Structures are given as structure tokens and as C-alpha cells.
Amino acid sequence: MADVTIPEKYRDLFNKRAFASLATLMPNGDVQVTPVWVDADNGNVIFNSARGRLKDKNVRRDPRVTLTLIDPDNPYRYLEVRGRVVDITEKGADQHIDKLAKKYLGVDEYPYRQPGEVRVLYRVKPEHVHAYG
């Protein structure tokens, strides 16, 4: 499969406070959708969660996901990325959630950590990209 890239015209969405709707698959095939904070790195989409959450369990079982980002400045402009989670790691996840907290909340440290929570980074390699607006 040829490499799929995010069009330059839509990369700005990753610098805005654009939430993504993350779709994962439940064990019975149902779709589960969760809003997530996102980032991009080397052509991949990155999201962050905590080990043991539903989206964590879903992507460990089936790595196929879809993320849709809607431009907060123009809701008729969006980017859809369909792909697979190609890397799951705890390394750097705490620092990354702090980086996202700065972007989305304007604070230096993620304020919603729970006792015993283990943060996890997920790297999604795009396989199909659709954009509009």
C-alpha cells in the first residue's frame, strides 16, 4: 500500500484546539466513538489515553480506527483519517499529555490524572484520508 499523507492544507488542524472523534471497534463489531485530543508527528496521528480504558482495550484487540477533526473556526471544514494503530507505548506519554493540556486547556500540567493512572500514547498510520472545506 502506498504511503498516505495528510494534505498540507489540513495540517493546521493539529495546531488548533480541534478535538477529534475517535472511532474504535467493540468486540461485537459495534462502533465506539470518543472525543480525544490529538497531535501529529512524522505523518502519523497521535492520541493519548490511560491504560485499561475502553478505547485502549479496543485498539489493542483491533487496531483499525477512524479519527475526524472538525475545524473549531469553521465546522464545515474537517479532516477524516482512517488507519491503524501501529505503536502503543507508555514511554513519553506523561509528557505528551502535558503538552496536549497546554494546547487544549492552556495549563502546563494535565489536571485530570487519577491515582495509579498509566498514560499511553497511540500512533496511527493513515491508510485513507478524506478532507473537506
C-alpha atoms as a PDB file:
ATOM      1  CA  MET A   1       0.000   0.000   0.000  1.00  0.00           C
ATOM      2  CA  ALA A   2       1.328   3.455  -0.919  1.00  0.00           C
ATOM      3  CA  ASP A   3       2.024   5.899   1.865  1.00  0.00           C
ATOM      4  CA  VAL A   4      -0.967   8.095   2.611  1.00  0.00           C
ATOM      5  CA  THR A   5      -0.244  11.615   3.800  1.00  0.00           C
ATOM      6  CA  ILE A   6      -2.311  14.289   5.449  1.00  0.00           C
ATOM      7  CA  PRO A   7      -2.750  17.135   2.947  1.00  0.00           C
ATOM      8  CA  GLU A   8      -0.697  20.221   3.787  1.00  0.00           C
ATOM      9  CA  LYS A   9      -3.879  22.325   3.606  1.00  0.00           C
ATOM     10  CA  TYR A  10      -5.296  20.482   6.664  1.00  0.00           C
ATOM     11  CA  ARG A  11      -2.204  20.075   8.855  1.00  0.00           C
ATOM     12  CA  ASP A  12      -3.071  23.311  10.653  1.00  0.00           C
ATOM     13  CA  LEU A  13      -5.908  21.454  12.402  1.00  0.00           C
ATOM     14  CA  PHE A  14      -3.303  19.738  14.574  1.00  0.00           C
ATOM     15  CA  ASN A  15      -2.101  23.132  15.833  1.00  0.00           C
ATOM     16  CA  LYS A  16      -5.611  24.276  16.743  1.00  0.00           C
ATOM     17  CA  ARG A  17      -7.756  23.170  19.650  1.00  0.00           C
ATOM     18  CA  ALA A  18      -9.572  20.803  17.298  1.00  0.00           C
ATOM     19  CA  PHE A  19     -10.961  17.788  19.100  1.00  0.00           C
ATOM     20  CA  ALA A  20     -11.024  14.514  17.206  1.00  0.00           C
ATOM     21  CA  SER A  21     -13.803  11.971  17.299  1.00  0.00           C
ATOM     22  CA  LEU A  22     -12.033   8.626  17.646  1.00  0.00           C
ATOM     23  CA  ALA A  23     -13.945   5.586  16.403  1.00  0.00           C
ATOM     24  CA  THR A  24     -12.829   2.136  17.586  1.00  0.00           C
ATOM     25  CA  LEU A  25     -14.452  -1.274  17.268  1.00  0.00           C
ATOM     26  CA  MET A  26     -16.061  -3.129  20.157  1.00  0.00           C
ATOM     27  CA  PRO A  27     -15.660  -6.932  20.431  1.00  0.00           C
ATOM     28  CA  ASN A  28     -19.116  -7.456  18.876  1.00  0.00           C
ATOM     29  CA  GLY A  29     -18.318  -5.116  15.945  1.00  0.00           C
ATOM     30  CA  ASP A  30     -20.229  -2.109  17.238  1.00  0.00           C
ATOM     31  CA  VAL A  31     -18.533   1.250  16.732  1.00  0.00           C
ATOM     32  CA  GLN A  32     -17.489   3.176  19.839  1.00  0.00           C
ATOM     33  CA  VAL A  33     -16.732   6.903  19.476  1.00  0.00           C
ATOM     34  CA  THR A  34     -14.876   9.090  21.960  1.00  0.00           C
ATOM     35  CA  PRO A  35     -13.665  12.705  21.742  1.00  0.00           C
ATOM     36  CA  VAL A  36      -9.883  12.885  22.112  1.00  0.00           C
ATOM     37  CA  TRP A  37      -7.078  15.412  21.997  1.00  0.00           C
ATOM     38  CA  VAL A  38      -4.731  14.814  19.060  1.00  0.00           C
ATOM     39  CA  ASP A  39      -1.306  15.647  17.771  1.00  0.00           C
ATOM     40  CA  ALA A  40       0.603  14.782  14.606  1.00  0.00           C
ATOM     41  CA  ASP A  41       4.175  13.587  14.191  1.00  0.00           C
ATOM     42  CA  ASN A  42       6.023  12.379  11.092  1.00  0.00           C
ATOM     43  CA  GLY A  43       2.777  11.967   9.170  1.00  0.00           C
ATOM     44  CA  ASN A  44       1.086   9.944  11.911  1.00  0.00           C
ATOM     45  CA  VAL A  45      -1.768  10.979  14.180  1.00  0.00           C
ATOM     46  CA  ILE A  46      -1.138  10.593  17.899  1.00  0.00           C
ATOM     47  CA  PHE A  47      -3.667  10.384  20.692  1.00  0.00           C
ATOM     48  CA  ASN A  48      -3.198   9.762  24.394  1.00  0.00           C
ATOM     49  CA  SER A  49      -5.307   7.823  26.878  1.00  0.00           C
ATOM     50  CA  ALA A  50      -4.967   5.737  30.014  1.00  0.00           C
ATOM     51  CA  ARG A  51      -4.269   2.018  30.114  1.00  0.00           C
ATOM     52  CA  GLY A  52      -7.430  -0.028  30.659  1.00  0.00           C
ATOM     53  CA  ARG A  53      -9.934   2.439  29.236  1.00  0.00           C
ATOM     54  CA  LEU A  54     -12.385   1.183  26.631  1.00  0.00           C
ATOM     55  CA  LYS A  55     -10.547   2.729  23.676  1.00  0.00           C
ATOM     56  CA  ASP A  56      -7.296   1.209  24.967  1.00  0.00           C
ATOM     57  CA  LYS A  57      -8.843  -2.256  25.116  1.00  0.00           C
ATOM     58  CA  ASN A  58     -10.456  -1.829  21.706  1.00  0.00           C
ATOM     59  CA  VAL A  59      -7.312  -0.767  19.827  1.00  0.00           C
ATOM     60  CA  ARG A  60      -5.190  -3.462  21.463  1.00  0.00           C
ATOM     61  CA  ARG A  61      -7.673  -6.037  20.151  1.00  0.00           C
ATOM     62  CA  ASP A  62      -8.344  -4.407  16.761  1.00  0.00           C
ATOM     63  CA  PRO A  63      -6.020  -1.587  15.673  1.00  0.00           C
ATOM     64  CA  ARG A  64      -8.356  -0.159  12.999  1.00  0.00           C
ATOM     65  CA  VAL A  65      -9.529   3.360  13.881  1.00  0.00           C
ATOM     66  CA  THR A  66     -11.002   6.483  12.347  1.00  0.00           C
ATOM     67  CA  LEU A  67     -10.336   9.990  13.627  1.00  0.00           C
ATOM     68  CA  THR A  68     -12.295  13.011  12.433  1.00  0.00           C
ATOM     69  CA  LEU A  69     -11.114  16.511  13.288  1.00  0.00           C
ATOM     70  CA  ILE A  70     -13.524  19.417  12.811  1.00  0.00           C
ATOM     71  CA  ASP A  71     -12.029  22.870  12.446  1.00  0.00           C
ATOM     72  CA  PRO A  72     -13.133  24.875  15.515  1.00  0.00           C
ATOM     73  CA  ASP A  73     -13.075  28.040  13.363  1.00  0.00           C
ATOM     74  CA  ASN A  74     -15.194  26.553  10.555  1.00  0.00           C
ATOM     75  CA  PRO A  75     -17.335  23.488  11.348  1.00  0.00           C
ATOM     76  CA  TYR A  76     -17.813  22.839   7.621  1.00  0.00           C
ATOM     77  CA  ARG A  77     -14.071  22.115   7.288  1.00  0.00           C
ATOM     78  CA  TYR A  78     -12.877  18.744   8.507  1.00  0.00           C
ATOM     79  CA  LEU A  79     -10.292  16.007   8.152  1.00  0.00           C
ATOM     80  CA  GLU A  80     -11.023  12.289   8.398  1.00  0.00           C
ATOM     81  CA  VAL A  81      -8.138   9.860   8.877  1.00  0.00           C
ATOM     82  CA  ARG A  82      -8.730   6.132   8.676  1.00  0.00           C
ATOM     83  CA  GLY A  83      -5.849   3.901   9.639  1.00  0.00           C
ATOM     84  CA  ARG A  84      -4.313   1.524  12.120  1.00  0.00           C
ATOM     85  CA  VAL A  85      -2.679   1.985  15.470  1.00  0.00           C
ATOM     86  CA  VAL A  86       0.886   0.938  14.669  1.00  0.00           C
ATOM     87  CA  ASP A  87       2.516   1.738  18.005  1.00  0.00           C
ATOM     88  CA  ILE A  88       1.327   1.708  21.600  1.00  0.00           C
ATOM     89  CA  THR A  89       3.751   2.919  24.250  1.00  0.00           C
ATOM     90  CA  GLU A  90       3.869   4.364  27.737  1.00  0.00           C
ATOM     91  CA  LYS A  91       7.241   5.988  27.004  1.00  0.00           C
ATOM     92  CA  GLY A  92       6.799   9.761  26.846  1.00  0.00           C
ATOM     93  CA  ALA A  93       3.035   9.552  27.417  1.00  0.00           C
ATOM     94  CA  ASP A  94       3.043  11.646  30.603  1.00  0.00           C
ATOM     95  CA  GLN A  95       5.000  14.427  28.924  1.00  0.00           C
ATOM     96  CA  HIS A  96       2.741  14.224  25.868  1.00  0.00           C
ATOM     97  CA  ILE A  97      -0.483  14.596  27.855  1.00  0.00           C
ATOM     98  CA  ASP A  98       1.040  17.688  29.498  1.00  0.00           C
ATOM     99  CA  LYS A  99       1.831  19.068  26.016  1.00  0.00           C
ATOM    100  CA  LEU A 100      -1.773  18.440  24.963  1.00  0.00           C
ATOM    101  CA  ALA A 101      -3.077  20.043  28.184  1.00  0.00           C
ATOM    102  CA  LYS A 102      -1.117  23.172  27.269  1.00  0.00           C
ATOM    103  CA  LYS A 103      -2.665  23.196  23.787  1.00  0.00           C
ATOM    104  CA  TYR A 104      -6.257  22.388  24.784  1.00  0.00           C
ATOM    105  CA  LEU A 105      -6.530  23.878  28.287  1.00  0.00           C
ATOM    106  CA  GLY A 106      -3.728  26.439  28.451  1.00  0.00           C
ATOM    107  CA  VAL A 107      -2.190  24.788  31.525  1.00  0.00           C
ATOM    108  CA  ASP A 108       1.308  23.354  31.980  1.00  0.00           C
ATOM    109  CA  GLU A 109       0.238  20.080  33.563  1.00  0.00           C
ATOM    110  CA  TYR A 110      -2.644  17.713  32.788  1.00  0.00           C
ATOM    111  CA  PRO A 111      -5.083  18.346  35.665  1.00  0.00           C
ATOM    112  CA  TYR A 112      -7.228  15.203  35.422  1.00  0.00           C
ATOM    113  CA  ARG A 113      -4.714  12.478  36.368  1.00  0.00           C
ATOM    114  CA  GLN A 114      -6.193   9.755  38.509  1.00  0.00           C
ATOM    115  CA  PRO A 115      -4.267   7.876  41.218  1.00  0.00           C
ATOM    116  CA  GLY A 116      -2.499   4.890  39.666  1.00  0.00           C
ATOM    117  CA  GLU A 117      -3.322   6.001  36.123  1.00  0.00           C
ATOM    118  CA  VAL A 118      -0.836   4.914  33.457  1.00  0.00           C
ATOM    119  CA  ARG A 119      -0.816   7.165  30.387  1.00  0.00           C
ATOM    120  CA  VAL A 120      -0.402   5.600  26.946  1.00  0.00           C
ATOM    121  CA  LEU A 121       0.474   7.026  23.514  1.00  0.00           C
ATOM    122  CA  TYR A 122      -1.094   5.603  20.356  1.00  0.00           C
ATOM    123  CA  ARG A 123       0.402   6.275  16.923  1.00  0.00           C
ATOM    124  CA  VAL A 124      -1.994   5.944  13.976  1.00  0.00           C
ATOM    125  CA  LYS A 125      -0.628   5.434  10.467  1.00  0.00           C
ATOM    126  CA  PRO A 126      -3.061   6.902   7.926  1.00  0.00           C
ATOM    127  CA  GLU A 127      -4.394   4.491   5.307  1.00  0.00           C
ATOM    128  CA  HIS A 128      -7.137   6.734   3.906  1.00  0.00           C
ATOM    129  CA  VAL A 129      -7.603  10.470   4.247  1.00  0.00           C
ATOM    130  CA  HIS A 130     -10.667  12.489   3.313  1.00  0.00           C
ATOM    131  CA  ALA A 131     -10.878  16.220   3.815  1.00  0.00           C
ATOM    132  CA  TYR A 132     -13.438  18.874   3.038  1.00  0.00           C
ATOM    133  CA  GLY A 133     -13.647  22.635   3.214  1.00  0.00           C
END
